[in-house]
Amino acid sequence: MRPDKKDITLRFTSTTFEELNLLLQFSVATSSTGIKVHSTTRPEVIAACESLFDKGLVSQRDGGYLTDSGIEALGHAQALSGLLGEKK
């Protein structure tokens, strides 16, 4: 059954995609490696980083380290990326 266009509700916004992509920049191997989002970065990435901070997933407005919740979110993002990623 194919959904009608009016029945489709977009769950992932462009901001959500930016947040997921930003989460995937963090290292799984160690929680002691953070990231820094510079002021010259695309505004969408800066907004995504600030949103992750507001949600308590990163330690600083410009990146920093993943919080415990951020580490959990990264695991989910990696799983989703693996499931939806292109098969080689």
PDB file of N, CA and C in Angstrom:
ATOM      1  N   MET A   1       0.840  -1.171   0.000  1.00  0.00           N
ATOM      2  CA  MET A   1       0.000   0.000   0.000  1.00  0.00           C
ATOM      3  C   MET A   1       0.888   1.238   0.000  1.00  0.00           C
ATOM      4  N   ARG A   2       0.615   2.110  -0.892  1.00  0.00           N
ATOM      5  CA  ARG A   2       1.406   3.326  -1.032  1.00  0.00           C
ATOM      6  C   ARG A   2       0.696   4.476  -0.340  1.00  0.00           C
ATOM      7  N   PRO A   3       1.378   5.187   0.572  1.00  0.00           N
ATOM      8  CA  PRO A   3       0.706   6.291   1.272  1.00  0.00           C
ATOM      9  C   PRO A   3       0.437   7.458   0.329  1.00  0.00           C
ATOM     10  N   ASP A   4      -0.687   8.077   0.548  1.00  0.00           N
ATOM     11  CA  ASP A   4      -1.053   9.282  -0.188  1.00  0.00           C
ATOM     12  C   ASP A   4      -0.157  10.420   0.317  1.00  0.00           C
ATOM     13  N   LYS A   5       0.183  11.346  -0.556  1.00  0.00           N
ATOM     14  CA  LYS A   5       1.054  12.456  -0.162  1.00  0.00           C
ATOM     15  C   LYS A   5       0.530  13.192   1.063  1.00  0.00           C
ATOM     16  N   LYS A   6      -0.770  13.356   1.171  1.00  0.00           N
ATOM     17  CA  LYS A   6      -1.323  14.084   2.307  1.00  0.00           C
ATOM     18  C   LYS A   6      -1.232  13.281   3.604  1.00  0.00           C
ATOM     19  N   ASP A   7      -0.959  11.970   3.503  1.00  0.00           N
ATOM     20  CA  ASP A   7      -0.841  11.124   4.685  1.00  0.00           C
ATOM     21  C   ASP A   7       0.580  11.095   5.249  1.00  0.00           C
ATOM     22  N   ILE A   8       1.534  11.621   4.514  1.00  0.00           N
ATOM     23  CA  ILE A   8       2.937  11.559   4.926  1.00  0.00           C
ATOM     24  C   ILE A   8       3.268  12.739   5.833  1.00  0.00           C
ATOM     25  N   THR A   9       3.733  12.432   7.026  1.00  0.00           N
ATOM     26  CA  THR A   9       4.197  13.446   7.960  1.00  0.00           C
ATOM     27  C   THR A   9       5.711  13.308   8.079  1.00  0.00           C
ATOM     28  N   LEU A  10       6.426  14.360   7.781  1.00  0.00           N
ATOM     29  CA  LEU A  10       7.881  14.312   7.867  1.00  0.00           C
ATOM     30  C   LEU A  10       8.308  14.375   9.323  1.00  0.00           C
ATOM     31  N   ARG A  11       9.005  13.355   9.752  1.00  0.00           N
ATOM     32  CA  ARG A  11       9.467  13.284  11.138  1.00  0.00           C
ATOM     33  C   ARG A  11      10.862  13.886  11.301  1.00  0.00           C
ATOM     34  N   PHE A  12      11.662  13.820  10.232  1.00  0.00           N
ATOM     35  CA  PHE A  12      13.004  14.370  10.281  1.00  0.00           C
ATOM     36  C   PHE A  12      13.027  15.694   9.526  1.00  0.00           C
ATOM     37  N   THR A  13      13.322  16.749  10.243  1.00  0.00           N
ATOM     38  CA  THR A  13      13.458  18.062   9.616  1.00  0.00           C
ATOM     39  C   THR A  13      14.896  18.221   9.142  1.00  0.00           C
ATOM     40  N   SER A  14      15.171  19.285   8.430  1.00  0.00           N
ATOM     41  CA  SER A  14      16.549  19.544   8.003  1.00  0.00           C
ATOM     42  C   SER A  14      17.444  19.740   9.231  1.00  0.00           C
ATOM     43  N   THR A  15      16.899  20.313  10.290  1.00  0.00           N
ATOM     44  CA  THR A  15      17.672  20.483  11.530  1.00  0.00           C
ATOM     45  C   THR A  15      17.999  19.134  12.145  1.00  0.00           C
ATOM     46  N   THR A  16      17.039  18.214  12.115  1.00  0.00           N
ATOM     47  CA  THR A  16      17.278  16.880  12.654  1.00  0.00           C
ATOM     48  C   THR A  16      18.402  16.187  11.890  1.00  0.00           C
ATOM     49  N   PHE A  17      18.402  16.317  10.567  1.00  0.00           N
ATOM     50  CA  PHE A  17      19.474  15.727   9.770  1.00  0.00           C
ATOM     51  C   PHE A  17      20.828  16.324  10.139  1.00  0.00           C
ATOM     52  N   GLU A  18      20.860  17.631  10.329  1.00  0.00           N
ATOM     53  CA  GLU A  18      22.117  18.286  10.724  1.00  0.00           C
ATOM     54  C   GLU A  18      22.581  17.776  12.088  1.00  0.00           C
ATOM     55  N   GLU A  19      21.633  17.607  13.014  1.00  0.00           N
ATOM     56  CA  GLU A  19      21.976  17.092  14.342  1.00  0.00           C
ATOM     57  C   GLU A  19      22.526  15.676  14.253  1.00  0.00           C
ATOM     58  N   LEU A  20      21.872  14.827  13.464  1.00  0.00           N
ATOM     59  CA  LEU A  20      22.339  13.445  13.306  1.00  0.00           C
ATOM     60  C   LEU A  20      23.733  13.415  12.689  1.00  0.00           C
ATOM     61  N   ASN A  21      23.942  14.201  11.642  1.00  0.00           N
ATOM     62  CA  ASN A  21      25.253  14.242  11.006  1.00  0.00           C
ATOM     63  C   ASN A  21      26.328  14.769  11.955  1.00  0.00           C
ATOM     64  N   LEU A  22      25.962  15.740  12.767  1.00  0.00           N
ATOM     65  CA  LEU A  22      26.915  16.282  13.729  1.00  0.00           C
ATOM     66  C   LEU A  22      27.251  15.248  14.801  1.00  0.00           C
ATOM     67  N   LEU A  23      26.247  14.541  15.296  1.00  0.00           N
ATOM     68  CA  LEU A  23      26.506  13.474  16.270  1.00  0.00           C
ATOM     69  C   LEU A  23      27.475  12.452  15.713  1.00  0.00           C
ATOM     70  N   LEU A  24      27.325  12.121  14.436  1.00  0.00           N
ATOM     71  CA  LEU A  24      28.172  11.109  13.821  1.00  0.00           C
ATOM     72  C   LEU A  24      29.619  11.567  13.646  1.00  0.00           C
ATOM     73  N   GLN A  25      29.897  12.832  13.921  1.00  0.00           N
ATOM     74  CA  GLN A  25      31.278  13.328  13.868  1.00  0.00           C
ATOM     75  C   GLN A  25      32.070  12.965  15.124  1.00  0.00           C
ATOM     76  N   PHE A  26      31.362  12.604  16.190  1.00  0.00           N
ATOM     77  CA  PHE A  26      32.033  12.247  17.439  1.00  0.00           C
ATOM     78  C   PHE A  26      32.597  10.834  17.348  1.00  0.00           C
ATOM     79  N   SER A  27      33.674  10.612  18.061  1.00  0.00           N
ATOM     80  CA  SER A  27      34.318   9.302  18.081  1.00  0.00           C
ATOM     81  C   SER A  27      33.599   8.370  19.039  1.00  0.00           C
ATOM     82  N   VAL A  28      33.383   7.158  18.574  1.00  0.00           N
ATOM     83  CA  VAL A  28      32.791   6.125  19.426  1.00  0.00           C
ATOM     84  C   VAL A  28      33.864   5.518  20.323  1.00  0.00           C
ATOM     85  N   ALA A  29      35.072   5.504  19.825  1.00  0.00           N
ATOM     86  CA  ALA A  29      36.168   4.825  20.504  1.00  0.00           C
ATOM     87  C   ALA A  29      36.485   5.420  21.872  1.00  0.00           C
ATOM     88  N   THR A  30      36.338   6.724  22.000  1.00  0.00           N
ATOM     89  CA  THR A  30      36.689   7.361  23.268  1.00  0.00           C
ATOM     90  C   THR A  30      35.771   8.549  23.544  1.00  0.00           C
ATOM     91  N   SER A  31      35.360   8.668  24.779  1.00  0.00           N
ATOM     92  CA  SER A  31      34.520   9.808  25.151  1.00  0.00           C
ATOM     93  C   SER A  31      35.367  11.030  25.499  1.00  0.00           C
ATOM     94  N   SER A  32      36.680  10.883  25.448  1.00  0.00           N
ATOM     95  CA  SER A  32      37.554  12.009  25.782  1.00  0.00           C
ATOM     96  C   SER A  32      37.935  12.834  24.554  1.00  0.00           C
ATOM     97  N   THR A  33      37.345  12.527  23.413  1.00  0.00           N
ATOM     98  CA  THR A  33      37.582  13.302  22.207  1.00  0.00           C
ATOM     99  C   THR A  33      36.324  14.086  21.876  1.00  0.00           C
ATOM    100  N   GLY A  34      36.468  15.404  21.839  1.00  0.00           N
ATOM    101  CA  GLY A  34      35.328  16.258  21.542  1.00  0.00           C
ATOM    102  C   GLY A  34      35.460  16.890  20.178  1.00  0.00           C
ATOM    103  N   ILE A  35      34.538  17.777  19.874  1.00  0.00           N
ATOM    104  CA  ILE A  35      34.608  18.535  18.629  1.00  0.00           C
ATOM    105  C   ILE A  35      34.380  20.011  18.932  1.00  0.00           C
ATOM    106  N   LYS A  36      34.798  20.846  18.000  1.00  0.00           N
ATOM    107  CA  LYS A  36      34.607  22.291  18.105  1.00  0.00           C
ATOM    108  C   LYS A  36      33.955  22.762  16.818  1.00  0.00           C
ATOM    109  N   VAL A  37      32.801  23.389  16.944  1.00  0.00           N
ATOM    110  CA  VAL A  37      32.118  23.959  15.781  1.00  0.00           C
ATOM    111  C   VAL A  37      32.494  25.438  15.740  1.00  0.00           C
ATOM    112  N   HIS A  38      33.234  25.813  14.738  1.00  0.00           N
ATOM    113  CA  HIS A  38      33.744  27.186  14.626  1.00  0.00           C
ATOM    114  C   HIS A  38      32.675  28.143  14.103  1.00  0.00           C
ATOM    115  N   SER A  39      32.868  29.412  14.367  1.00  0.00           N
ATOM    116  CA  SER A  39      31.907  30.428  13.962  1.00  0.00           C
ATOM    117  C   SER A  39      31.826  30.579  12.441  1.00  0.00           C
ATOM    118  N   THR A  40      32.802  30.046  11.716  1.00  0.00           N
ATOM    119  CA  THR A  40      32.807  30.119  10.257  1.00  0.00           C
ATOM    120  C   THR A  40      32.104  28.921   9.614  1.00  0.00           C
ATOM    121  N   THR A  41      31.621  28.002  10.446  1.00  0.00           N
ATOM    122  CA  THR A  41      30.900  26.828   9.958  1.00  0.00           C
ATOM    123  C   THR A  41      29.540  27.243   9.415  1.00  0.00           C
ATOM    124  N   ARG A  42      28.967  26.420   8.541  1.00  0.00           N
ATOM    125  CA  ARG A  42      27.634  26.717   8.007  1.00  0.00           C
ATOM    126  C   ARG A  42      26.662  27.002   9.153  1.00  0.00           C
ATOM    127  N   PRO A  43      25.804  28.006   9.001  1.00  0.00           N
ATOM    128  CA  PRO A  43      24.854  28.359  10.059  1.00  0.00           C
ATOM    129  C   PRO A  43      23.977  27.188  10.497  1.00  0.00           C
ATOM    130  N   GLU A  44      23.630  26.284   9.572  1.00  0.00           N
ATOM    131  CA  GLU A  44      22.791  25.135   9.907  1.00  0.00           C
ATOM    132  C   GLU A  44      23.488  24.202  10.891  1.00  0.00           C
ATOM    133  N   VAL A  45      24.800  24.066  10.744  1.00  0.00           N
ATOM    134  CA  VAL A  45      25.570  23.209  11.643  1.00  0.00           C
ATOM    135  C   VAL A  45      25.692  23.871  13.012  1.00  0.00           C
ATOM    136  N   ILE A  46      25.909  25.164  13.020  1.00  0.00           N
ATOM    137  CA  ILE A  46      25.978  25.901  14.288  1.00  0.00           C
ATOM    138  C   ILE A  46      24.657  25.760  15.029  1.00  0.00           C
ATOM    139  N   ALA A  47      23.547  25.935  14.316  1.00  0.00           N
ATOM    140  CA  ALA A  47      22.214  25.797  14.944  1.00  0.00           C
ATOM    141  C   ALA A  47      21.998  24.381  15.458  1.00  0.00           C
ATOM    142  N   ALA A  48      22.449  23.393  14.700  1.00  0.00           N
ATOM    143  CA  ALA A  48      22.304  21.996  15.128  1.00  0.00           C
ATOM    144  C   ALA A  48      23.104  21.743  16.398  1.00  0.00           C
ATOM    145  N   CYS A  49      24.299  22.296  16.472  1.00  0.00           N
ATOM    146  CA  CYS A  49      25.135  22.116  17.657  1.00  0.00           C
ATOM    147  C   CYS A  49      24.486  22.775  18.872  1.00  0.00           C
ATOM    148  N   GLU A  50      23.965  23.962  18.693  1.00  0.00           N
ATOM    149  CA  GLU A  50      23.280  24.648  19.790  1.00  0.00           C
ATOM    150  C   GLU A  50      22.046  23.865  20.231  1.00  0.00           C
ATOM    151  N   SER A  51      21.360  23.258  19.286  1.00  0.00           N
ATOM    152  CA  SER A  51      20.192  22.447  19.607  1.00  0.00           C
ATOM    153  C   SER A  51      20.594  21.207  20.405  1.00  0.00           C
ATOM    154  N   LEU A  52      21.694  20.569  20.005  1.00  0.00           N
ATOM    155  CA  LEU A  52      22.190  19.408  20.758  1.00  0.00           C
ATOM    156  C   LEU A  52      22.564  19.813  22.183  1.00  0.00           C
ATOM    157  N   PHE A  53      23.134  20.997  22.327  1.00  0.00           N
ATOM    158  CA  PHE A  53      23.474  21.503  23.658  1.00  0.00           C
ATOM    159  C   PHE A  53      22.202  21.731  24.474  1.00  0.00           C
ATOM    160  N   ASP A  54      21.218  22.378  23.859  1.00  0.00           N
ATOM    161  CA  ASP A  54      19.950  22.651  24.552  1.00  0.00           C
ATOM    162  C   ASP A  54      19.253  21.364  24.983  1.00  0.00           C
ATOM    163  N   LYS A  55      19.460  20.301  24.227  1.00  0.00           N
ATOM    164  CA  LYS A  55      18.863  18.998  24.547  1.00  0.00           C
ATOM    165  C   LYS A  55      19.701  18.202  25.541  1.00  0.00           C
ATOM    166  N   GLY A  56      20.864  18.757  25.924  1.00  0.00           N
ATOM    167  CA  GLY A  56      21.719  18.093  26.900  1.00  0.00           C
ATOM    168  C   GLY A  56      22.555  16.963  26.325  1.00  0.00           C
ATOM    169  N   LEU A  57      22.800  16.982  25.014  1.00  0.00           N
ATOM    170  CA  LEU A  57      23.566  15.907  24.383  1.00  0.00           C
ATOM    171  C   LEU A  57      25.044  16.223  24.236  1.00  0.00           C
ATOM    172  N   VAL A  58      25.398  17.509  24.217  1.00  0.00           N
ATOM    173  CA  VAL A  58      26.804  17.926  24.188  1.00  0.00           C
ATOM    174  C   VAL A  58      27.055  18.909  25.328  1.00  0.00           C
ATOM    175  N   SER A  59      28.307  19.012  25.714  1.00  0.00           N
ATOM    176  CA  SER A  59      28.650  19.778  26.909  1.00  0.00           C
ATOM    177  C   SER A  59      28.777  21.288  26.699  1.00  0.00           C
ATOM    178  N   GLN A  60      28.904  21.731  25.434  1.00  0.00           N
ATOM    179  CA  GLN A  60      29.098  23.157  25.169  1.00  0.00           C
ATOM    180  C   GLN A  60      28.255  23.578  23.971  1.00  0.00           C
ATOM    181  N   ARG A  61      27.921  24.843  23.892  1.00  0.00           N
ATOM    182  CA  ARG A  61      27.114  25.347  22.769  1.00  0.00           C
ATOM    183  C   ARG A  61      27.832  25.162  21.436  1.00  0.00           C
ATOM    184  N   ASP A  62      29.168  25.155  21.456  1.00  0.00           N
ATOM    185  CA  ASP A  62      29.939  24.997  20.220  1.00  0.00           C
ATOM    186  C   ASP A  62      30.559  23.609  20.093  1.00  0.00           C
ATOM    187  N   GLY A  63      29.971  22.639  20.759  1.00  0.00           N
ATOM    188  CA  GLY A  63      30.453  21.260  20.642  1.00  0.00           C
ATOM    189  C   GLY A  63      30.859  20.685  21.975  1.00  0.00           C
ATOM    190  N   GLY A  64      32.156  20.624  22.174  1.00  0.00           N
ATOM    191  CA  GLY A  64      32.653  20.042  23.419  1.00  0.00           C
ATOM    192  C   GLY A  64      32.609  18.527  23.360  1.00  0.00           C
ATOM    193  N   TYR A  65      32.141  17.930  24.432  1.00  0.00           N
ATOM    194  CA  TYR A  65      32.098  16.476  24.556  1.00  0.00           C
ATOM    195  C   TYR A  65      30.659  16.008  24.632  1.00  0.00           C
ATOM    196  N   LEU A  66      30.452  14.744  24.286  1.00  0.00           N
ATOM    197  CA  LEU A  66      29.133  14.164  24.445  1.00  0.00           C
ATOM    198  C   LEU A  66      28.838  13.941  25.920  1.00  0.00           C
ATOM    199  N   THR A  67      27.632  14.208  26.312  1.00  0.00           N
ATOM    200  CA  THR A  67      27.182  13.871  27.660  1.00  0.00           C
ATOM    201  C   THR A  67      26.797  12.387  27.643  1.00  0.00           C
ATOM    202  N   ASP A  68      26.395  11.851  28.787  1.00  0.00           N
ATOM    203  CA  ASP A  68      25.942  10.461  28.817  1.00  0.00           C
ATOM    204  C   ASP A  68      24.768  10.255  27.857  1.00  0.00           C
ATOM    205  N   SER A  69      23.847  11.210  27.839  1.00  0.00           N
ATOM    206  CA  SER A  69      22.716  11.124  26.901  1.00  0.00           C
ATOM    207  C   SER A  69      23.193  11.235  25.458  1.00  0.00           C
ATOM    208  N   GLY A  70      24.211  12.044  25.239  1.00  0.00           N
ATOM    209  CA  GLY A  70      24.780  12.195  23.900  1.00  0.00           C
ATOM    210  C   GLY A  70      25.432  10.917  23.412  1.00  0.00           C
ATOM    211  N   ILE A  71      26.097  10.216  24.313  1.00  0.00           N
ATOM    212  CA  ILE A  71      26.715   8.933  23.955  1.00  0.00           C
ATOM    213  C   ILE A  71      25.634   7.932  23.552  1.00  0.00           C
ATOM    214  N   GLU A  72      24.539   7.925  24.290  1.00  0.00           N
ATOM    215  CA  GLU A  72      23.424   7.043  23.945  1.00  0.00           C
ATOM    216  C   GLU A  72      22.825   7.435  22.588  1.00  0.00           C
ATOM    217  N   ALA A  73      22.645   8.737  22.370  1.00  0.00           N
ATOM    218  CA  ALA A  73      22.101   9.221  21.101  1.00  0.00           C
ATOM    219  C   ALA A  73      23.023   8.858  19.941  1.00  0.00           C
ATOM    220  N   LEU A  74      24.331   8.962  20.147  1.00  0.00           N
ATOM    221  CA  LEU A  74      25.296   8.596  19.107  1.00  0.00           C
ATOM    222  C   LEU A  74      25.136   7.127  18.732  1.00  0.00           C
ATOM    223  N   GLY A  75      24.958   6.271  19.716  1.00  0.00           N
ATOM    224  CA  GLY A  75      24.754   4.855  19.433  1.00  0.00           C
ATOM    225  C   GLY A  75      23.528   4.627  18.559  1.00  0.00           C
ATOM    226  N   HIS A  76      22.455   5.334  18.866  1.00  0.00           N
ATOM    227  CA  HIS A  76      21.236   5.214  18.063  1.00  0.00           C
ATOM    228  C   HIS A  76      21.449   5.771  16.655  1.00  0.00           C
ATOM    229  N   ALA A  77      22.158   6.904  16.563  1.00  0.00           N
ATOM    230  CA  ALA A  77      22.427   7.514  15.256  1.00  0.00           C
ATOM    231  C   ALA A  77      23.272   6.590  14.393  1.00  0.00           C
ATOM    232  N   GLN A  78      24.262   5.938  15.008  1.00  0.00           N
ATOM    233  CA  GLN A  78      25.103   5.013  14.254  1.00  0.00           C
ATOM    234  C   GLN A  78      24.304   3.803  13.782  1.00  0.00           C
ATOM    235  N   ALA A  79      23.428   3.302  14.636  1.00  0.00           N
ATOM    236  CA  ALA A  79      22.597   2.158  14.251  1.00  0.00           C
ATOM    237  C   ALA A  79      21.696   2.537  13.080  1.00  0.00           C
ATOM    238  N   LEU A  80      21.063   3.700  13.155  1.00  0.00           N
ATOM    239  CA  LEU A  80      20.185   4.162  12.087  1.00  0.00           C
ATOM    240  C   LEU A  80      20.980   4.376  10.800  1.00  0.00           C
ATOM    241  N   SER A  81      22.150   4.973  10.920  1.00  0.00           N
ATOM    242  CA  SER A  81      22.994   5.199   9.764  1.00  0.00           C
ATOM    243  C   SER A  81      23.389   3.873   9.120  1.00  0.00           C
ATOM    244  N   GLY A  82      23.704   2.891   9.937  1.00  0.00           N
ATOM    245  CA  GLY A  82      24.060   1.582   9.405  1.00  0.00           C
ATOM    246  C   GLY A  82      22.898   0.899   8.716  1.00  0.00           C
ATOM    247  N   LEU A  83      21.713   1.025   9.275  1.00  0.00           N
ATOM    248  CA  LEU A  83      20.526   0.400   8.672  1.00  0.00           C
ATOM    249  C   LEU A  83      20.122   1.071   7.362  1.00  0.00           C
ATOM    250  N   LEU A  84      20.257   2.394   7.314  1.00  0.00           N
ATOM    251  CA  LEU A  84      19.804   3.136   6.139  1.00  0.00           C
ATOM    252  C   LEU A  84      20.910   3.393   5.118  1.00  0.00           C
ATOM    253  N   GLY A  85      22.138   3.154   5.521  1.00  0.00           N
ATOM    254  CA  GLY A  85      23.271   3.432   4.624  1.00  0.00           C
ATOM    255  C   GLY A  85      23.273   2.527   3.417  1.00  0.00           C
ATOM    256  N   GLU A  86      23.993   2.974   2.405  1.00  0.00           N
ATOM    257  CA  GLU A  86      24.096   2.201   1.174  1.00  0.00           C
ATOM    258  C   GLU A  86      24.871   0.923   1.416  1.00  0.00           C
ATOM    259  N   LYS A  87      24.377  -0.150   0.840  1.00  0.00           N
ATOM    260  CA  LYS A  87      25.043  -1.443   0.931  1.00  0.00           C
ATOM    261  C   LYS A  87      26.081  -1.518  -0.174  1.00  0.00           C
ATOM    262  N   LYS A  88      27.249  -2.024   0.173  1.00  0.00           N
ATOM    263  CA  LYS A  88      28.339  -2.141  -0.811  1.00  0.00           C
ATOM    264  C   LYS A  88      28.421  -3.538  -1.332  1.00  0.00           C
TER     265      LYS A  88
END
